Amino acid sequence: SLGPVFAKMREELAELEEIATPAD
């Protein structure tokens, strides 16, 4: 179903944010 796909999308977005967001 679509629910787990949205969960995966949130996971991938979080990974991108973690790498791309400045820590400073």
PDB file of all heavy atoms in Angstrom:
ATOM      1  N   SER A   1       0.849  -1.195   0.000  1.00  0.00           N
ATOM      2  CA  SER A   1       0.000   0.000   0.000  1.00  0.00           C
ATOM      3  C   SER A   1       0.887   1.247   0.000  1.00  0.00           C
ATOM      4  O   SER A   1       2.108   1.167   0.113  1.00  0.00           O
ATOM      5  CB  SER A   1      -0.911   0.005   1.231  1.00  0.00           C
ATOM      6  OG  SER A   1      -0.128   0.151   2.409  1.00  0.00           O
ATOM      7  N   LEU A   2       0.253   2.386  -0.080  1.00  0.00           N
ATOM      8  CA  LEU A   2       0.978   3.647  -0.159  1.00  0.00           C
ATOM      9  C   LEU A   2       1.604   4.064   1.175  1.00  0.00           C
ATOM     10  O   LEU A   2       2.628   4.749   1.185  1.00  0.00           O
ATOM     11  CB  LEU A   2       0.016   4.728  -0.656  1.00  0.00           C
ATOM     12  CG  LEU A   2       0.593   6.027  -1.157  1.00  0.00           C
ATOM     13  CD1 LEU A   2       1.655   5.807  -2.221  1.00  0.00           C
ATOM     14  CD2 LEU A   2      -0.508   6.918  -1.705  1.00  0.00           C
ATOM     15  N   GLY A   3       1.031   3.634   2.301  1.00  0.00           N
ATOM     16  CA  GLY A   3       1.543   4.028   3.621  1.00  0.00           C
ATOM     17  C   GLY A   3       3.030   3.781   3.808  1.00  0.00           C
ATOM     18  O   GLY A   3       3.781   4.695   4.182  1.00  0.00           O
ATOM     19  N   PRO A   4       3.510   2.569   3.551  1.00  0.00           N
ATOM     20  CA  PRO A   4       4.949   2.312   3.709  1.00  0.00           C
ATOM     21  C   PRO A   4       5.817   3.105   2.719  1.00  0.00           C
ATOM     22  O   PRO A   4       6.959   3.422   3.014  1.00  0.00           O
ATOM     23  CB  PRO A   4       5.085   0.811   3.462  1.00  0.00           C
ATOM     24  CG  PRO A   4       3.730   0.246   3.643  1.00  0.00           C
ATOM     25  CD  PRO A   4       2.755   1.341   3.302  1.00  0.00           C
ATOM     26  N   VAL A   5       5.251   3.433   1.565  1.00  0.00           N
ATOM     27  CA  VAL A   5       6.008   4.223   0.591  1.00  0.00           C
ATOM     28  C   VAL A   5       6.207   5.637   1.139  1.00  0.00           C
ATOM     29  O   VAL A   5       7.298   6.202   1.048  1.00  0.00           O
ATOM     30  CB  VAL A   5       5.304   4.250  -0.785  1.00  0.00           C
ATOM     31  CG1 VAL A   5       6.157   4.992  -1.803  1.00  0.00           C
ATOM     32  CG2 VAL A   5       5.007   2.840  -1.276  1.00  0.00           C
ATOM     33  N   PHE A   6       5.141   6.197   1.734  1.00  0.00           N
ATOM     34  CA  PHE A   6       5.279   7.515   2.357  1.00  0.00           C
ATOM     35  C   PHE A   6       6.273   7.474   3.514  1.00  0.00           C
ATOM     36  O   PHE A   6       7.057   8.408   3.705  1.00  0.00           O
ATOM     37  CB  PHE A   6       3.926   8.044   2.854  1.00  0.00           C
ATOM     38  CG  PHE A   6       3.080   8.651   1.769  1.00  0.00           C
ATOM     39  CD1 PHE A   6       1.768   8.274   1.624  1.00  0.00           C
ATOM     40  CD2 PHE A   6       3.588   9.614   0.911  1.00  0.00           C
ATOM     41  CE1 PHE A   6       0.971   8.840   0.633  1.00  0.00           C
ATOM     42  CE2 PHE A   6       2.808  10.187  -0.082  1.00  0.00           C
ATOM     43  CZ  PHE A   6       1.495   9.794  -0.222  1.00  0.00           C
ATOM     44  N   ALA A   7       6.260   6.391   4.278  1.00  0.00           N
ATOM     45  CA  ALA A   7       7.212   6.254   5.375  1.00  0.00           C
ATOM     46  C   ALA A   7       8.643   6.232   4.830  1.00  0.00           C
ATOM     47  O   ALA A   7       9.549   6.869   5.398  1.00  0.00           O
ATOM     48  CB  ALA A   7       6.926   4.990   6.185  1.00  0.00           C
ATOM     49  N   LYS A   8       8.854   5.524   3.743  1.00  0.00           N
ATOM     50  CA  LYS A   8      10.178   5.472   3.120  1.00  0.00           C
ATOM     51  C   LYS A   8      10.569   6.855   2.598  1.00  0.00           C
ATOM     52  O   LYS A   8      11.731   7.270   2.721  1.00  0.00           O
ATOM     53  CB  LYS A   8      10.185   4.444   1.979  1.00  0.00           C
ATOM     54  CG  LYS A   8      11.527   4.255   1.328  1.00  0.00           C
ATOM     55  CD  LYS A   8      12.531   3.673   2.306  1.00  0.00           C
ATOM     56  CE  LYS A   8      13.826   3.330   1.619  1.00  0.00           C
ATOM     57  NZ  LYS A   8      14.841   2.860   2.564  1.00  0.00           N
ATOM     58  N   MET A   9       9.602   7.591   2.054  1.00  0.00           N
ATOM     59  CA  MET A   9       9.882   8.941   1.564  1.00  0.00           C
ATOM     60  C   MET A   9      10.332   9.843   2.714  1.00  0.00           C
ATOM     61  O   MET A   9      11.307  10.582   2.586  1.00  0.00           O
ATOM     62  CB  MET A   9       8.638   9.528   0.881  1.00  0.00           C
ATOM     63  CG  MET A   9       8.874  10.876   0.236  1.00  0.00           C
ATOM     64  SD  MET A   9       7.464  11.470  -0.720  1.00  0.00           S
ATOM     65  CE  MET A   9       6.258  11.706   0.579  1.00  0.00           C
ATOM     66  N   ARG A  10       9.643   9.752   3.858  1.00  0.00           N
ATOM     67  CA  ARG A  10      10.042  10.547   5.029  1.00  0.00           C
ATOM     68  C   ARG A  10      11.443  10.142   5.508  1.00  0.00           C
ATOM     69  O   ARG A  10      12.252  10.990   5.890  1.00  0.00           O
ATOM     70  CB  ARG A  10       9.013  10.399   6.154  1.00  0.00           C
ATOM     71  CG  ARG A  10       7.720  11.159   5.900  1.00  0.00           C
ATOM     72  CD  ARG A  10       6.809  11.158   7.108  1.00  0.00           C
ATOM     73  NE  ARG A  10       6.288   9.837   7.412  1.00  0.00           N
ATOM     74  CZ  ARG A  10       5.196   9.303   6.841  1.00  0.00           C
ATOM     75  NH1 ARG A  10       4.511   9.976   5.955  1.00  0.00           N
ATOM     76  NH2 ARG A  10       4.789   8.107   7.193  1.00  0.00           N
ATOM     77  N   GLU A  11      11.736   8.848   5.473  1.00  0.00           N
ATOM     78  CA  GLU A  11      13.059   8.365   5.873  1.00  0.00           C
ATOM     79  C   GLU A  11      14.147   8.935   4.956  1.00  0.00           C
ATOM     80  O   GLU A  11      15.176   9.421   5.429  1.00  0.00           O
ATOM     81  CB  GLU A  11      13.080   6.832   5.818  1.00  0.00           C
ATOM     82  CG  GLU A  11      14.443   6.212   6.072  1.00  0.00           C
ATOM     83  CD  GLU A  11      14.452   4.716   5.761  1.00  0.00           C
ATOM     84  OE1 GLU A  11      13.463   4.021   6.075  1.00  0.00           O
ATOM     85  OE2 GLU A  11      15.468   4.260   5.183  1.00  0.00           O
ATOM     86  N   GLU A  12      13.908   8.886   3.646  1.00  0.00           N
ATOM     87  CA  GLU A  12      14.891   9.406   2.694  1.00  0.00           C
ATOM     88  C   GLU A  12      15.056  10.919   2.836  1.00  0.00           C
ATOM     89  O   GLU A  12      16.172  11.437   2.748  1.00  0.00           O
ATOM     90  CB  GLU A  12      14.515   9.042   1.260  1.00  0.00           C
ATOM     91  CG  GLU A  12      14.547   7.562   0.954  1.00  0.00           C
ATOM     92  CD  GLU A  12      15.914   6.911   1.097  1.00  0.00           C
ATOM     93  OE1 GLU A  12      16.940   7.627   1.218  1.00  0.00           O
ATOM     94  OE2 GLU A  12      15.974   5.669   1.097  1.00  0.00           O
ATOM     95  N   LEU A  13      13.963  11.631   3.080  1.00  0.00           N
ATOM     96  CA  LEU A  13      14.040  13.077   3.282  1.00  0.00           C
ATOM     97  C   LEU A  13      14.851  13.393   4.539  1.00  0.00           C
ATOM     98  O   LEU A  13      15.698  14.289   4.536  1.00  0.00           O
ATOM     99  CB  LEU A  13      12.643  13.692   3.380  1.00  0.00           C
ATOM    100  CG  LEU A  13      12.592  15.195   3.628  1.00  0.00           C
ATOM    101  CD1 LEU A  13      13.312  15.963   2.525  1.00  0.00           C
ATOM    102  CD2 LEU A  13      11.147  15.655   3.755  1.00  0.00           C
ATOM    103  N   ALA A  14      14.630  12.633   5.600  1.00  0.00           N
ATOM    104  CA  ALA A  14      15.381  12.843   6.842  1.00  0.00           C
ATOM    105  C   ALA A  14      16.882  12.611   6.617  1.00  0.00           C
ATOM    106  O   ALA A  14      17.717  13.355   7.137  1.00  0.00           O
ATOM    107  CB  ALA A  14      14.857  11.929   7.948  1.00  0.00           C
ATOM    108  N   GLU A  15      17.219  11.581   5.842  1.00  0.00           N
ATOM    109  CA  GLU A  15      18.627  11.312   5.553  1.00  0.00           C
ATOM    110  C   GLU A  15      19.245  12.462   4.754  1.00  0.00           C
ATOM    111  O   GLU A  15      20.375  12.872   5.029  1.00  0.00           O
ATOM    112  CB  GLU A  15      18.770   9.993   4.797  1.00  0.00           C
ATOM    113  CG  GLU A  15      18.472   8.784   5.659  1.00  0.00           C
ATOM    114  CD  GLU A  15      18.475   7.474   4.887  1.00  0.00           C
ATOM    115  OE1 GLU A  15      18.788   7.470   3.675  1.00  0.00           O
ATOM    116  OE2 GLU A  15      18.154   6.440   5.502  1.00  0.00           O
ATOM    117  N   LEU A  16      18.505  12.981   3.786  1.00  0.00           N
ATOM    118  CA  LEU A  16      19.000  14.116   3.003  1.00  0.00           C
ATOM    119  C   LEU A  16      19.175  15.346   3.890  1.00  0.00           C
ATOM    120  O   LEU A  16      20.201  16.019   3.835  1.00  0.00           O
ATOM    121  CB  LEU A  16      18.045  14.421   1.850  1.00  0.00           C
ATOM    122  CG  LEU A  16      18.403  15.643   0.994  1.00  0.00           C
ATOM    123  CD1 LEU A  16      19.761  15.475   0.328  1.00  0.00           C
ATOM    124  CD2 LEU A  16      17.309  15.882  -0.034  1.00  0.00           C
ATOM    125  N   GLU A  17      18.176  15.611   4.727  1.00  0.00           N
ATOM    126  CA  GLU A  17      18.268  16.768   5.638  1.00  0.00           C
ATOM    127  C   GLU A  17      19.471  16.655   6.561  1.00  0.00           C
ATOM    128  O   GLU A  17      20.174  17.633   6.802  1.00  0.00           O
ATOM    129  CB  GLU A  17      16.999  16.877   6.493  1.00  0.00           C
ATOM    130  CG  GLU A  17      15.869  17.581   5.823  1.00  0.00           C
ATOM    131  CD  GLU A  17      14.697  17.764   6.765  1.00  0.00           C
ATOM    132  OE1 GLU A  17      14.208  16.754   7.323  1.00  0.00           O
ATOM    133  OE2 GLU A  17      14.274  18.921   6.950  1.00  0.00           O
ATOM    134  N   GLU A  18      19.708  15.457   7.078  1.00  0.00           N
ATOM    135  CA  GLU A  18      20.820  15.251   8.003  1.00  0.00           C
ATOM    136  C   GLU A  18      22.157  15.575   7.349  1.00  0.00           C
ATOM    137  O   GLU A  18      23.029  16.198   7.958  1.00  0.00           O
ATOM    138  CB  GLU A  18      20.819  13.793   8.486  1.00  0.00           C
ATOM    139  CG  GLU A  18      21.868  13.497   9.525  1.00  0.00           C
ATOM    140  CD  GLU A  18      21.790  12.058  10.009  1.00  0.00           C
ATOM    141  OE1 GLU A  18      20.670  11.557  10.225  1.00  0.00           O
ATOM    142  OE2 GLU A  18      22.863  11.446  10.142  1.00  0.00           O
ATOM    143  N   ILE A  19      22.311  15.207   6.093  1.00  0.00           N
ATOM    144  CA  ILE A  19      23.571  15.443   5.404  1.00  0.00           C
ATOM    145  C   ILE A  19      23.677  16.870   4.878  1.00  0.00           C
ATOM    146  O   ILE A  19      24.731  17.488   4.923  1.00  0.00           O
ATOM    147  CB  ILE A  19      23.738  14.434   4.242  1.00  0.00           C
ATOM    148  CG1 ILE A  19      23.944  13.034   4.811  1.00  0.00           C
ATOM    149  CG2 ILE A  19      24.920  14.815   3.354  1.00  0.00           C
ATOM    150  CD1 ILE A  19      23.929  11.950   3.768  1.00  0.00           C
ATOM    151  N   ALA A  20      22.564  17.420   4.395  1.00  0.00           N
ATOM    152  CA  ALA A  20      22.608  18.708   3.702  1.00  0.00           C
ATOM    153  C   ALA A  20      22.395  19.917   4.604  1.00  0.00           C
ATOM    154  O   ALA A  20      22.671  21.036   4.194  1.00  0.00           O
ATOM    155  CB  ALA A  20      21.573  18.727   2.581  1.00  0.00           C
ATOM    156  N   THR A  21      21.898  19.723   5.817  1.00  0.00           N
ATOM    157  CA  THR A  21      21.632  20.844   6.712  1.00  0.00           C
ATOM    158  C   THR A  21      22.893  21.201   7.486  1.00  0.00           C
ATOM    159  O   THR A  21      23.497  20.336   8.123  1.00  0.00           O
ATOM    160  CB  THR A  21      20.496  20.494   7.693  1.00  0.00           C
ATOM    161  OG1 THR A  21      19.347  20.133   6.937  1.00  0.00           O
ATOM    162  CG2 THR A  21      20.158  21.672   8.577  1.00  0.00           C
ATOM    163  N   PRO A  22      23.267  22.472   7.446  1.00  0.00           N
ATOM    164  CA  PRO A  22      24.469  22.877   8.181  1.00  0.00           C
ATOM    165  C   PRO A  22      24.333  22.608   9.677  1.00  0.00           C
ATOM    166  O   PRO A  22      23.273  22.847  10.262  1.00  0.00           O
ATOM    167  CB  PRO A  22      24.560  24.377   7.921  1.00  0.00           C
ATOM    168  CG  PRO A  22      23.710  24.631   6.730  1.00  0.00           C
ATOM    169  CD  PRO A  22      22.645  23.565   6.735  1.00  0.00           C
ATOM    170  N   ALA A  23      25.391  22.103  10.270  1.00  0.00           N
ATOM    171  CA  ALA A  23      25.395  21.841  11.709  1.00  0.00           C
ATOM    172  C   ALA A  23      25.824  23.076  12.489  1.00  0.00           C
ATOM    173  O   ALA A  23      25.580  23.178  13.678  1.00  0.00           O
ATOM    174  CB  ALA A  23      26.328  20.679  12.023  1.00  0.00           C
ATOM    175  N   ASP A  24      26.462  24.014  11.827  1.00  0.00           N
ATOM    176  CA  ASP A  24      26.940  25.234  12.460  1.00  0.00           C
ATOM    177  C   ASP A  24      25.738  26.076  12.899  1.00  0.00           C
ATOM    178  O   ASP A  24      24.881  26.409  12.088  1.00  0.00           O
ATOM    179  CB  ASP A  24      27.798  25.998  11.450  1.00  0.00           C
ATOM    180  CG  ASP A  24      28.461  27.235  12.051  1.00  0.00           C
ATOM    181  OD1 ASP A  24      27.866  27.847  12.950  1.00  0.00           O
ATOM    182  OD2 ASP A  24      29.558  27.576  11.599  1.00  0.00           O
TER     183      ASP A  24
END
